[in-house]
Amino acid sequence: MQIVLMTLEFTLPGCRSLKEKRQRMGGIHERYGRNPAVAVCESGAREQANASEWSFIVTGTSAQDVEALCSDITERIERTVEARVMNVLRQRL
């Protein structure tokens, strides 16, 4: 079993309120938390309107499967979320 902790740090240019932040970032938990190989939560910058941090625990039977799933998550978020990905950290557990 392979396990990776992936943390994505975002900036939300022009975001002025936590309500607007929730609208922009909304759906991450629902979209990715449905996959049984992924656990996801907002892990930082919860009270900042212009920043956000999300952590994903990604599991799989091989390192290739886990890396492919991490890459897919990152690419899909970059295309669908109204925020700029500033940093992606991956740590094998």
Foldseek 3Di string as FASTA:
>chain_A
DWKKKKKWKWFQPPFDALVVQCVQPPPLQVVFVVDPQKHKDFDDPNHPRGITMMIIIGDDPDPVVRVVVVVVSVVVCCVRGNTGTDDMDMDID
